[in-house]
Amino acid sequence: MRESRQQTSDLGMMLQGYGLTTAKILYHMPDHPHLLQTYIWQDYDVAPDFPVLFDFIDFWKEKLEGPLHSICFTHRRLIAPNEWRSVKGELVLH
């Protein structure tokens, strides 16, 4: 999935429903498990499934040492349905 997303233009991603997803991740520090550390993550993703975010969470669980405590995230579409319109012609004034 990641390769096809990389090859898509920004406008194409916007029209496919991609938006900016920001996640605040709290995790336990590996050396001091009683302390929490914050990590901020941002990428373009598609709501409501959020495949890119969940791929990152799976990567974190498999490869990184700090156990996750909690994740809060927000999502904003780049182009809302009412912001896109097709233009059929162009009027040029001298």
PDB file of N, CA and C in Angstrom:
ATOM      1  N   MET A   1       0.831  -1.198   0.000  1.00  0.00           N
ATOM      2  CA  MET A   1       0.000   0.000   0.000  1.00  0.00           C
ATOM      3  C   MET A   1       0.867   1.250   0.000  1.00  0.00           C
ATOM      4  N   ARG A   2       1.947   1.227   0.722  1.00  0.00           N
ATOM      5  CA  ARG A   2       2.787   2.403   0.841  1.00  0.00           C
ATOM      6  C   ARG A   2       3.395   2.830  -0.489  1.00  0.00           C
ATOM      7  N   GLU A   3       3.798   1.863  -1.346  1.00  0.00           N
ATOM      8  CA  GLU A   3       4.421   2.208  -2.611  1.00  0.00           C
ATOM      9  C   GLU A   3       3.452   2.942  -3.528  1.00  0.00           C
ATOM     10  N   SER A   4       2.221   2.468  -3.623  1.00  0.00           N
ATOM     11  CA  SER A   4       1.250   3.122  -4.500  1.00  0.00           C
ATOM     12  C   SER A   4       0.907   4.521  -3.989  1.00  0.00           C
ATOM     13  N   ARG A   5       0.893   4.700  -2.679  1.00  0.00           N
ATOM     14  CA  ARG A   5       0.615   6.015  -2.106  1.00  0.00           C
ATOM     15  C   ARG A   5       1.743   6.982  -2.433  1.00  0.00           C
ATOM     16  N   GLN A   6       2.984   6.505  -2.442  1.00  0.00           N
ATOM     17  CA  GLN A   6       4.129   7.346  -2.730  1.00  0.00           C
ATOM     18  C   GLN A   6       4.110   7.841  -4.179  1.00  0.00           C
ATOM     19  N   GLN A   7       3.577   7.047  -5.095  1.00  0.00           N
ATOM     20  CA  GLN A   7       3.578   7.401  -6.507  1.00  0.00           C
ATOM     21  C   GLN A   7       2.401   8.291  -6.885  1.00  0.00           C
ATOM     22  N   THR A   8       1.419   8.418  -6.040  1.00  0.00           N
ATOM     23  CA  THR A   8       0.248   9.229  -6.317  1.00  0.00           C
ATOM     24  C   THR A   8       0.570  10.701  -6.086  1.00  0.00           C
ATOM     25  N   SER A   9       0.068  11.557  -6.977  1.00  0.00           N
ATOM     26  CA  SER A   9       0.294  12.988  -6.812  1.00  0.00           C
ATOM     27  C   SER A   9      -0.468  13.505  -5.593  1.00  0.00           C
ATOM     28  N   ASP A  10      -0.081  14.677  -5.134  1.00  0.00           N
ATOM     29  CA  ASP A  10      -0.764  15.274  -3.984  1.00  0.00           C
ATOM     30  C   ASP A  10      -2.241  15.482  -4.278  1.00  0.00           C
ATOM     31  N   LEU A  11      -2.569  15.971  -5.476  1.00  0.00           N
ATOM     32  CA  LEU A  11      -3.966  16.179  -5.829  1.00  0.00           C
ATOM     33  C   LEU A  11      -4.713  14.854  -5.876  1.00  0.00           C
ATOM     34  N   GLY A  12      -4.071  13.837  -6.421  1.00  0.00           N
ATOM     35  CA  GLY A  12      -4.699  12.511  -6.464  1.00  0.00           C
ATOM     36  C   GLY A  12      -4.996  11.977  -5.080  1.00  0.00           C
ATOM     37  N   MET A  13      -4.048  12.195  -4.147  1.00  0.00           N
ATOM     38  CA  MET A  13      -4.276  11.752  -2.770  1.00  0.00           C
ATOM     39  C   MET A  13      -5.440  12.512  -2.141  1.00  0.00           C
ATOM     40  N   MET A  14      -5.504  13.812  -2.409  1.00  0.00           N
ATOM     41  CA  MET A  14      -6.593  14.617  -1.861  1.00  0.00           C
ATOM     42  C   MET A  14      -7.938  14.126  -2.367  1.00  0.00           C
ATOM     43  N   LEU A  15      -8.002  13.808  -3.643  1.00  0.00           N
ATOM     44  CA  LEU A  15      -9.269  13.355  -4.229  1.00  0.00           C
ATOM     45  C   LEU A  15      -9.638  11.955  -3.761  1.00  0.00           C
ATOM     46  N   GLN A  16      -8.663  11.166  -3.367  1.00  0.00           N
ATOM     47  CA  GLN A  16      -8.936   9.819  -2.852  1.00  0.00           C
ATOM     48  C   GLN A  16      -9.368   9.838  -1.393  1.00  0.00           C
ATOM     49  N   GLY A  17      -9.369  11.020  -0.771  1.00  0.00           N
ATOM     50  CA  GLY A  17      -9.838  11.122   0.608  1.00  0.00           C
ATOM     51  C   GLY A  17      -8.747  11.145   1.646  1.00  0.00           C
ATOM     52  N   TYR A  18      -7.489  11.194   1.229  1.00  0.00           N
ATOM     53  CA  TYR A  18      -6.412  11.267   2.203  1.00  0.00           C
ATOM     54  C   TYR A  18      -6.484  12.582   2.963  1.00  0.00           C
ATOM     55  N   GLY A  19      -6.072  12.544   4.192  1.00  0.00           N
ATOM     56  CA  GLY A  19      -6.015  13.730   5.026  1.00  0.00           C
ATOM     57  C   GLY A  19      -4.844  13.620   5.975  1.00  0.00           C
ATOM     58  N   LEU A  20      -4.539  14.695   6.645  1.00  0.00           N
ATOM     59  CA  LEU A  20      -3.432  14.709   7.591  1.00  0.00           C
ATOM     60  C   LEU A  20      -3.892  14.125   8.925  1.00  0.00           C
ATOM     61  N   THR A  21      -3.204  13.092   9.345  1.00  0.00           N
ATOM     62  CA  THR A  21      -3.493  12.444  10.618  1.00  0.00           C
ATOM     63  C   THR A  21      -2.341  12.729  11.572  1.00  0.00           C
ATOM     64  N   THR A  22      -2.680  13.201  12.752  1.00  0.00           N
ATOM     65  CA  THR A  22      -1.688  13.483  13.788  1.00  0.00           C
ATOM     66  C   THR A  22      -2.017  12.632  15.004  1.00  0.00           C
ATOM     67  N   ALA A  23      -1.017  11.925  15.508  1.00  0.00           N
ATOM     68  CA  ALA A  23      -1.223  11.071  16.677  1.00  0.00           C
ATOM     69  C   ALA A  23      -0.253  11.473  17.781  1.00  0.00           C
ATOM     70  N   LYS A  24      -0.781  11.556  19.005  1.00  0.00           N
ATOM     71  CA  LYS A  24       0.051  11.759  20.198  1.00  0.00           C
ATOM     72  C   LYS A  24       0.137  10.412  20.899  1.00  0.00           C
ATOM     73  N   ILE A  25       1.337   9.877  20.914  1.00  0.00           N
ATOM     74  CA  ILE A  25       1.557   8.531  21.454  1.00  0.00           C
ATOM     75  C   ILE A  25       2.275   8.658  22.800  1.00  0.00           C
ATOM     76  N   LEU A  26       1.681   8.090  23.825  1.00  0.00           N
ATOM     77  CA  LEU A  26       2.329   7.995  25.135  1.00  0.00           C
ATOM     78  C   LEU A  26       2.845   6.570  25.296  1.00  0.00           C
ATOM     79  N   TYR A  27       4.114   6.461  25.681  1.00  0.00           N
ATOM     80  CA  TYR A  27       4.688   5.131  25.854  1.00  0.00           C
ATOM     81  C   TYR A  27       5.572   5.107  27.098  1.00  0.00           C
ATOM     82  N   HIS A  28       5.753   3.912  27.625  1.00  0.00           N
ATOM     83  CA  HIS A  28       6.603   3.719  28.802  1.00  0.00           C
ATOM     84  C   HIS A  28       8.058   3.678  28.336  1.00  0.00           C
ATOM     85  N   MET A  29       8.915   4.423  29.015  1.00  0.00           N
ATOM     86  CA  MET A  29      10.336   4.409  28.675  1.00  0.00           C
ATOM     87  C   MET A  29      10.919   3.043  29.016  1.00  0.00           C
ATOM     88  N   PRO A  30      11.711   2.460  28.123  1.00  0.00           N
ATOM     89  CA  PRO A  30      12.234   1.102  28.365  1.00  0.00           C
ATOM     90  C   PRO A  30      13.089   0.996  29.636  1.00  0.00           C
ATOM     91  N   ASP A  31      13.927   1.999  29.905  1.00  0.00           N
ATOM     92  CA  ASP A  31      14.802   1.926  31.086  1.00  0.00           C
ATOM     93  C   ASP A  31      14.098   2.304  32.390  1.00  0.00           C
ATOM     94  N   HIS A  32      13.028   3.074  32.279  1.00  0.00           N
ATOM     95  CA  HIS A  32      12.267   3.534  33.450  1.00  0.00           C
ATOM     96  C   HIS A  32      10.774   3.351  33.153  1.00  0.00           C
ATOM     97  N   PRO A  33      10.248   2.136  33.313  1.00  0.00           N
ATOM     98  CA  PRO A  33       8.870   1.837  32.912  1.00  0.00           C
ATOM     99  C   PRO A  33       7.798   2.660  33.616  1.00  0.00           C
ATOM    100  N   HIS A  34       8.120   3.248  34.758  1.00  0.00           N
ATOM    101  CA  HIS A  34       7.134   4.057  35.476  1.00  0.00           C
ATOM    102  C   HIS A  34       7.013   5.466  34.882  1.00  0.00           C
ATOM    103  N   LEU A  35       7.924   5.855  33.969  1.00  0.00           N
ATOM    104  CA  LEU A  35       7.871   7.169  33.316  1.00  0.00           C
ATOM    105  C   LEU A  35       7.249   7.054  31.930  1.00  0.00           C
ATOM    106  N   LEU A  36       6.448   8.072  31.570  1.00  0.00           N
ATOM    107  CA  LEU A  36       5.843   8.120  30.242  1.00  0.00           C
ATOM    108  C   LEU A  36       6.551   9.165  29.392  1.00  0.00           C
ATOM    109  N   GLN A  37       6.715   8.848  28.124  1.00  0.00           N
ATOM    110  CA  GLN A  37       7.312   9.759  27.152  1.00  0.00           C
ATOM    111  C   GLN A  37       6.281  10.002  26.051  1.00  0.00           C
ATOM    112  N   THR A  38       6.327  11.178  25.436  1.00  0.00           N
ATOM    113  CA  THR A  38       5.397  11.529  24.359  1.00  0.00           C
ATOM    114  C   THR A  38       6.113  11.484  23.019  1.00  0.00           C
ATOM    115  N   TYR A  39       5.420  10.943  22.023  1.00  0.00           N
ATOM    116  CA  TYR A  39       5.918  10.933  20.650  1.00  0.00           C
ATOM    117  C   TYR A  39       4.791  11.446  19.761  1.00  0.00           C
ATOM    118  N   ILE A  40       5.102  12.424  18.902  1.00  0.00           N
ATOM    119  CA  ILE A  40       4.104  12.966  17.977  1.00  0.00           C
ATOM    120  C   ILE A  40       4.392  12.403  16.590  1.00  0.00           C
ATOM    121  N   TRP A  41       3.363  11.840  15.954  1.00  0.00           N
ATOM    122  CA  TRP A  41       3.480  11.222  14.639  1.00  0.00           C
ATOM    123  C   TRP A  41       2.495  11.891  13.691  1.00  0.00           C
ATOM    124  N   GLN A  42       2.936  12.180  12.450  1.00  0.00           N
ATOM    125  CA  GLN A  42       2.059  12.745  11.431  1.00  0.00           C
ATOM    126  C   GLN A  42       2.314  12.069  10.103  1.00  0.00           C
ATOM    127  N   ASP A  43       1.231  11.800   9.375  1.00  0.00           N
ATOM    128  CA  ASP A  43       1.334  11.262   8.016  1.00  0.00           C
ATOM    129  C   ASP A  43      -0.021  11.426   7.356  1.00  0.00           C
ATOM    130  N   TYR A  44      -0.042  11.227   6.039  1.00  0.00           N
ATOM    131  CA  TYR A  44      -1.306  11.268   5.314  1.00  0.00           C
ATOM    132  C   TYR A  44      -1.958   9.900   5.398  1.00  0.00           C
ATOM    133  N   ASP A  45      -3.259   9.884   5.705  1.00  0.00           N
ATOM    134  CA  ASP A  45      -3.978   8.634   5.908  1.00  0.00           C
ATOM    135  C   ASP A  45      -5.423   8.810   5.486  1.00  0.00           C
ATOM    136  N   VAL A  46      -6.140   7.695   5.394  1.00  0.00           N
ATOM    137  CA  VAL A  46      -7.540   7.702   4.968  1.00  0.00           C
ATOM    138  C   VAL A  46      -8.426   7.289   6.134  1.00  0.00           C
ATOM    139  N   ALA A  47      -9.398   8.136   6.472  1.00  0.00           N
ATOM    140  CA  ALA A  47     -10.379   7.808   7.510  1.00  0.00           C
ATOM    141  C   ALA A  47     -11.490   6.984   6.870  1.00  0.00           C
ATOM    142  N   PRO A  48     -12.167   6.137   7.531  1.00  0.00           N
ATOM    143  CA  PRO A  48     -12.112   5.802   8.955  1.00  0.00           C
ATOM    144  C   PRO A  48     -11.223   4.602   9.264  1.00  0.00           C
ATOM    145  N   ASP A  49     -10.572   4.007   8.258  1.00  0.00           N
ATOM    146  CA  ASP A  49      -9.776   2.791   8.502  1.00  0.00           C
ATOM    147  C   ASP A  49      -8.370   3.068   9.020  1.00  0.00           C
ATOM    148  N   PHE A  50      -7.766   4.193   8.642  1.00  0.00           N
ATOM    149  CA  PHE A  50      -6.433   4.610   9.065  1.00  0.00           C
ATOM    150  C   PHE A  50      -5.385   3.507   8.890  1.00  0.00           C
ATOM    151  N   PRO A  51      -5.204   2.995   7.664  1.00  0.00           N
ATOM    152  CA  PRO A  51      -4.236   1.904   7.459  1.00  0.00           C
ATOM    153  C   PRO A  51      -2.793   2.312   7.732  1.00  0.00           C
ATOM    154  N   VAL A  52      -2.408   3.539   7.431  1.00  0.00           N
ATOM    155  CA  VAL A  52      -1.024   3.980   7.647  1.00  0.00           C
ATOM    156  C   VAL A  52      -0.733   4.084   9.145  1.00  0.00           C
ATOM    157  N   LEU A  53      -1.661   4.636   9.905  1.00  0.00           N
ATOM    158  CA  LEU A  53      -1.484   4.746  11.350  1.00  0.00           C
ATOM    159  C   LEU A  53      -1.376   3.362  11.988  1.00  0.00           C
ATOM    160  N   PHE A  54      -2.254   2.447  11.608  1.00  0.00           N
ATOM    161  CA  PHE A  54      -2.223   1.112  12.206  1.00  0.00           C
ATOM    162  C   PHE A  54      -0.988   0.331  11.784  1.00  0.00           C
ATOM    163  N   ASP A  55      -0.480   0.568  10.559  1.00  0.00           N
ATOM    164  CA  ASP A  55       0.796  -0.042  10.159  1.00  0.00           C
ATOM    165  C   ASP A  55       1.924   0.461  11.055  1.00  0.00           C
ATOM    166  N   PHE A  56       1.910   1.772  11.363  1.00  0.00           N
ATOM    167  CA  PHE A  56       2.942   2.334  12.243  1.00  0.00           C
ATOM    168  C   PHE A  56       2.830   1.752  13.653  1.00  0.00           C
ATOM    169  N   ILE A  57       1.618   1.606  14.156  1.00  0.00           N
ATOM    170  CA  ILE A  57       1.432   1.027  15.497  1.00  0.00           C
ATOM    171  C   ILE A  57       1.927  -0.414  15.529  1.00  0.00           C
ATOM    172  N   ASP A  58       1.634  -1.184  14.477  1.00  0.00           N
ATOM    173  CA  ASP A  58       2.137  -2.563  14.400  1.00  0.00           C
ATOM    174  C   ASP A  58       3.664  -2.589  14.371  1.00  0.00           C
ATOM    175  N   PHE A  59       4.273  -1.667  13.592  1.00  0.00           N
ATOM    176  CA  PHE A  59       5.733  -1.554  13.557  1.00  0.00           C
ATOM    177  C   PHE A  59       6.279  -1.258  14.952  1.00  0.00           C
ATOM    178  N   TRP A  60       5.635  -0.329  15.651  1.00  0.00           N
ATOM    179  CA  TRP A  60       6.084   0.044  16.998  1.00  0.00           C
ATOM    180  C   TRP A  60       6.067  -1.178  17.913  1.00  0.00           C
ATOM    181  N   LYS A  61       4.962  -1.915  17.897  1.00  0.00           N
ATOM    182  CA  LYS A  61       4.830  -3.071  18.796  1.00  0.00           C
ATOM    183  C   LYS A  61       5.863  -4.151  18.483  1.00  0.00           C
ATOM    184  N   GLU A  62       6.205  -4.324  17.196  1.00  0.00           N
ATOM    185  CA  GLU A  62       7.131  -5.383  16.807  1.00  0.00           C
ATOM    186  C   GLU A  62       8.600  -4.997  16.977  1.00  0.00           C
ATOM    187  N   LYS A  63       8.943  -3.738  16.687  1.00  0.00           N
ATOM    188  CA  LYS A  63      10.351  -3.364  16.583  1.00  0.00           C
ATOM    189  C   LYS A  63      10.886  -2.482  17.707  1.00  0.00           C
ATOM    190  N   LEU A  64      10.043  -1.732  18.387  1.00  0.00           N
ATOM    191  CA  LEU A  64      10.526  -0.792  19.396  1.00  0.00           C
ATOM    192  C   LEU A  64      10.292  -1.327  20.800  1.00  0.00           C
ATOM    193  N   GLU A  65      11.126  -0.877  21.729  1.00  0.00           N
ATOM    194  CA  GLU A  65      11.098  -1.423  23.086  1.00  0.00           C
ATOM    195  C   GLU A  65      10.078  -0.772  24.007  1.00  0.00           C
ATOM    196  N   GLY A  66       9.730   0.475  23.804  1.00  0.00           N
ATOM    197  CA  GLY A  66       8.836   1.170  24.717  1.00  0.00           C
ATOM    198  C   GLY A  66       7.388   0.724  24.552  1.00  0.00           C
ATOM    199  N   PRO A  67       6.827   0.047  25.548  1.00  0.00           N
ATOM    200  CA  PRO A  67       5.430  -0.393  25.457  1.00  0.00           C
ATOM    201  C   PRO A  67       4.482   0.807  25.381  1.00  0.00           C
ATOM    202  N   LEU A  68       3.477   0.697  24.539  1.00  0.00           N
ATOM    203  CA  LEU A  68       2.503   1.772  24.363  1.00  0.00           C
ATOM    204  C   LEU A  68       1.609   1.905  25.583  1.00  0.00           C
ATOM    205  N   HIS A  69       1.316   3.135  25.935  1.00  0.00           N
ATOM    206  CA  HIS A  69       0.388   3.424  27.021  1.00  0.00           C
ATOM    207  C   HIS A  69      -0.956   3.852  26.441  1.00  0.00           C
ATOM    208  N   SER A  70      -0.936   4.876  25.573  1.00  0.00           N
ATOM    209  CA  SER A  70      -2.180   5.360  24.965  1.00  0.00           C
ATOM    210  C   SER A  70      -1.855   6.141  23.691  1.00  0.00           C
ATOM    211  N   ILE A  71      -2.873   6.258  22.838  1.00  0.00           N
ATOM    212  CA  ILE A  71      -2.736   6.988  21.578  1.00  0.00           C
ATOM    213  C   ILE A  71      -3.979   7.846  21.393  1.00  0.00           C
ATOM    214  N   CYS A  72      -3.781   9.137  21.151  1.00  0.00           N
ATOM    215  CA  CYS A  72      -4.856  10.059  20.795  1.00  0.00           C
ATOM    216  C   CYS A  72      -4.537  10.582  19.404  1.00  0.00           C
ATOM    217  N   PHE A  73      -5.531  10.604  18.521  1.00  0.00           N
ATOM    218  CA  PHE A  73      -5.236  11.090  17.183  1.00  0.00           C
ATOM    219  C   PHE A  73      -6.380  11.931  16.649  1.00  0.00           C
ATOM    220  N   THR A  74      -6.035  12.755  15.658  1.00  0.00           N
ATOM    221  CA  THR A  74      -7.005  13.596  14.974  1.00  0.00           C
ATOM    222  C   THR A  74      -6.734  13.512  13.487  1.00  0.00           C
ATOM    223  N   HIS A  75      -7.759  13.805  12.698  1.00  0.00           N
ATOM    224  CA  HIS A  75      -7.654  13.675  11.243  1.00  0.00           C
ATOM    225  C   HIS A  75      -8.384  14.832  10.586  1.00  0.00           C
ATOM    226  N   ARG A  76      -7.776  15.391   9.551  1.00  0.00           N
ATOM    227  CA  ARG A  76      -8.403  16.471   8.785  1.00  0.00           C
ATOM    228  C   ARG A  76      -8.209  16.180   7.309  1.00  0.00           C
ATOM    229  N   ARG A  77      -9.321  16.064   6.588  1.00  0.00           N
ATOM    230  CA  ARG A  77      -9.240  15.848   5.144  1.00  0.00           C
ATOM    231  C   ARG A  77      -8.624  17.063   4.477  1.00  0.00           C
ATOM    232  N   LEU A  78      -7.881  16.813   3.407  1.00  0.00           N
ATOM    233  CA  LEU A  78      -7.211  17.896   2.700  1.00  0.00           C
ATOM    234  C   LEU A  78      -8.177  18.684   1.829  1.00  0.00           C
ATOM    235  N   ILE A  79      -9.111  17.986   1.204  1.00  0.00           N
ATOM    236  CA  ILE A  79     -10.152  18.643   0.415  1.00  0.00           C
ATOM    237  C   ILE A  79     -11.486  18.066   0.861  1.00  0.00           C
ATOM    238  N   ALA A  80     -12.355  18.922   1.336  1.00  0.00           N
ATOM    239  CA  ALA A  80     -13.704  18.484   1.709  1.00  0.00           C
ATOM    240  C   ALA A  80     -14.543  18.370   0.445  1.00  0.00           C
ATOM    241  N   PRO A  81     -15.598  17.561   0.437  1.00  0.00           N
ATOM    242  CA  PRO A  81     -16.417  17.388  -0.754  1.00  0.00           C
ATOM    243  C   PRO A  81     -16.971  18.694  -1.315  1.00  0.00           C
ATOM    244  N   ASN A  82     -17.276  19.657  -0.471  1.00  0.00           N
ATOM    245  CA  ASN A  82     -17.842  20.918  -0.961  1.00  0.00           C
ATOM    246  C   ASN A  82     -16.778  21.892  -1.456  1.00  0.00           C
ATOM    247  N   GLU A  83     -15.489  21.549  -1.340  1.00  0.00           N
ATOM    248  CA  GLU A  83     -14.420  22.439  -1.780  1.00  0.00           C
ATOM    249  C   GLU A  83     -13.922  22.124  -3.189  1.00  0.00           C
ATOM    250  N   TRP A  84     -14.363  21.042  -3.793  1.00  0.00           N
ATOM    251  CA  TRP A  84     -13.900  20.633  -5.108  1.00  0.00           C
ATOM    252  C   TRP A  84     -15.021  20.835  -6.120  1.00  0.00           C
ATOM    253  N   ARG A  85     -14.698  21.476  -7.238  1.00  0.00           N
ATOM    254  CA  ARG A  85     -15.681  21.623  -8.305  1.00  0.00           C
ATOM    255  C   ARG A  85     -14.975  21.529  -9.634  1.00  0.00           C
ATOM    256  N   SER A  86     -15.679  21.050 -10.622  1.00  0.00           N
ATOM    257  CA  SER A  86     -15.136  20.903 -11.962  1.00  0.00           C
ATOM    258  C   SER A  86     -15.392  22.184 -12.753  1.00  0.00           C
ATOM    259  N   VAL A  87     -14.359  22.680 -13.426  1.00  0.00           N
ATOM    260  CA  VAL A  87     -14.495  23.885 -14.233  1.00  0.00           C
ATOM    261  C   VAL A  87     -14.558  23.464 -15.691  1.00  0.00           C
ATOM    262  N   LYS A  88     -15.633  23.881 -16.385  1.00  0.00           N
ATOM    263  CA  LYS A  88     -15.836  23.472 -17.776  1.00  0.00           C
ATOM    264  C   LYS A  88     -15.191  24.431 -18.768  1.00  0.00           C
ATOM    265  N   GLY A  89     -14.940  25.643 -18.394  1.00  0.00           N
ATOM    266  CA  GLY A  89     -14.384  26.604 -19.335  1.00  0.00           C
ATOM    267  C   GLY A  89     -13.604  27.678 -18.626  1.00  0.00           C
ATOM    268  N   GLU A  90     -13.078  28.600 -19.431  1.00  0.00           N
ATOM    269  CA  GLU A  90     -12.283  29.674 -18.879  1.00  0.00           C
ATOM    270  C   GLU A  90     -12.643  30.956 -19.618  1.00  0.00           C
ATOM    271  N   LEU A  91     -12.818  32.017 -18.893  1.00  0.00           N
ATOM    272  CA  LEU A  91     -13.169  33.311 -19.465  1.00  0.00           C
ATOM    273  C   LEU A  91     -11.944  34.213 -19.308  1.00  0.00           C
ATOM    274  N   VAL A  92     -11.446  34.741 -20.437  1.00  0.00           N
ATOM    275  CA  VAL A  92     -10.267  35.605 -20.407  1.00  0.00           C
ATOM    276  C   VAL A  92     -10.701  37.022 -20.741  1.00  0.00           C
ATOM    277  N   LEU A  93     -10.335  37.955 -19.870  1.00  0.00           N
ATOM    278  CA  LEU A  93     -10.633  39.358 -20.093  1.00  0.00           C
ATOM    279  C   LEU A  93      -9.352  40.067 -20.515  1.00  0.00           C
ATOM    280  N   HIS A  94      -9.484  41.034 -21.438  1.00  0.00           N
ATOM    281  CA  HIS A  94      -8.289  41.748 -21.916  1.00  0.00           C
ATOM    282  C   HIS A  94      -7.918  42.828 -20.953  1.00  0.00           C
TER     283      HIS A  94
END
